[in-house]
C-alpha atoms as a PDB file:
ATOM      1  CA  MET A   1     -19.627  -9.688   5.340  1.00  0.00           C
ATOM      2  CA  VAL A   2     -15.889  -9.666   4.607  1.00  0.00           C
ATOM      3  CA  ILE A   3     -14.487  -7.028   2.273  1.00  0.00           C
ATOM      4  CA  LEU A   4     -11.202  -7.819   0.571  1.00  0.00           C
ATOM      5  CA  LEU A   5      -8.852  -5.119  -0.679  1.00  0.00           C
ATOM      6  CA  LEU A   6      -6.705  -5.981  -3.679  1.00  0.00           C
ATOM      7  CA  GLU A   7      -3.467  -4.235  -4.568  1.00  0.00           C
ATOM      8  CA  VAL A   8      -0.711  -4.949  -7.014  1.00  0.00           C
ATOM      9  CA  GLU A   9       2.675  -5.319  -5.374  1.00  0.00           C
ATOM     10  CA  ASP A  10       5.788  -6.393  -7.280  1.00  0.00           C
ATOM     11  CA  MET A  11       3.703  -7.938 -10.074  1.00  0.00           C
ATOM     12  CA  ALA A  12       1.638  -9.994  -7.607  1.00  0.00           C
ATOM     13  CA  ILE A  13      -1.848  -9.452  -6.292  1.00  0.00           C
ATOM     14  CA  VAL A  14      -1.964  -9.090  -2.532  1.00  0.00           C
ATOM     15  CA  VAL A  15      -5.263  -9.635  -0.738  1.00  0.00           C
ATOM     16  CA  HIS A  16      -5.894  -7.810   2.522  1.00  0.00           C
ATOM     17  CA  SER A  17      -8.894  -8.647   4.639  1.00  0.00           C
ATOM     18  CA  CYS A  18     -10.709  -5.757   6.329  1.00  0.00           C
ATOM     19  CA  THR A  19     -11.323  -8.013   9.324  1.00  0.00           C
ATOM     20  CA  GLY A  20      -7.680  -7.489  10.302  1.00  0.00           C
ATOM     21  CA  GLU A  21      -4.496  -9.421  10.882  1.00  0.00           C
ATOM     22  CA  THR A  22      -2.448 -10.112  13.994  1.00  0.00           C
ATOM     23  CA  CYS A  23       0.516  -7.795  14.539  1.00  0.00           C
ATOM     24  CA  MET A  24       3.730  -9.776  15.001  1.00  0.00           C
ATOM     25  CA  ILE A  25       4.946  -7.306  17.666  1.00  0.00           C
ATOM     26  CA  CYS A  26       1.965  -6.576  19.944  1.00  0.00           C
ATOM     27  CA  GLY A  27      -0.298  -9.502  19.028  1.00  0.00           C
ATOM     28  CA  HIS A  28      -3.390  -7.322  18.553  1.00  0.00           C
ATOM     29  CA  THR A  29      -5.663  -7.635  15.535  1.00  0.00           C
ATOM     30  CA  LYS A  30      -5.185  -4.576  13.312  1.00  0.00           C
ATOM     31  CA  THR A  31      -6.316  -3.568   9.837  1.00  0.00           C
ATOM     32  CA  SER A  32      -3.352  -1.445   8.781  1.00  0.00           C
ATOM     33  CA  GLY A  33       0.417  -1.452   8.948  1.00  0.00           C
ATOM     34  CA  ILE A  34       3.370  -2.734   6.963  1.00  0.00           C
ATOM     35  CA  HIS A  35       4.142  -6.280   5.908  1.00  0.00           C
ATOM     36  CA  ILE A  36       7.640  -7.709   6.306  1.00  0.00           C
ATOM     37  CA  CYS A  37       8.123 -11.324   5.224  1.00  0.00           C
ATOM     38  CA  ASN A  38       4.323 -11.713   5.067  1.00  0.00           C
ATOM     39  CA  GLN A  39       3.957 -10.625   8.704  1.00  0.00           C
ATOM     40  CA  LEU A  40       2.061  -7.500   9.774  1.00  0.00           C
ATOM     41  CA  ILE A  41       3.616  -4.779  11.926  1.00  0.00           C
ATOM     42  CA  CYS A  42       0.768  -2.454  12.894  1.00  0.00           C
ATOM     43  CA  ASP A  43       0.993   1.314  12.522  1.00  0.00           C
ATOM     44  CA  SER A  44       1.376   1.963  16.266  1.00  0.00           C
ATOM     45  CA  CYS A  45       4.209  -0.580  16.657  1.00  0.00           C
ATOM     46  CA  GLN A  46       5.906   0.732  13.520  1.00  0.00           C
ATOM     47  CA  LYS A  47       5.728   4.276  14.901  1.00  0.00           C
ATOM     48  CA  GLU A  48       7.206   3.177  18.242  1.00  0.00           C
ATOM     49  CA  ILE A  49      10.043   1.297  16.497  1.00  0.00           C
ATOM     50  CA  VAL A  50      10.903   4.282  14.305  1.00  0.00           C
ATOM     51  CA  GLU A  51      10.788   6.781  17.186  1.00  0.00           C
ATOM     52  CA  THR A  52      12.755   4.662  19.694  1.00  0.00           C
ATOM     53  CA  ASP A  53      16.321   5.853  20.260  1.00  0.00           C
ATOM     54  CA  VAL A  54      18.921   3.216  19.387  1.00  0.00           C
ATOM     55  CA  ASN A  55      20.373   3.499  22.899  1.00  0.00           C
ATOM     56  CA  ASN A  56      16.974   2.871  24.548  1.00  0.00           C
ATOM     57  CA  TRP A  57      16.704  -0.892  25.146  1.00  0.00           C
ATOM     58  CA  LYS A  58      13.156  -2.215  25.052  1.00  0.00           C
ATOM     59  CA  ILE A  59      12.213  -5.681  26.200  1.00  0.00           C
END
């Protein structure tokens, strides 16, 4: 059974599947995070990006 969550965003209906999406950073399937250009960045990757010092190079 797949449950779909609907939300209104900028006058458009966005459908999110509870089965998850692939994070564009880590590649894992996650159910929550932010969408940038229709791509998911999961909560853990978003947290790491925000907390990383600008002088700390990550590859």
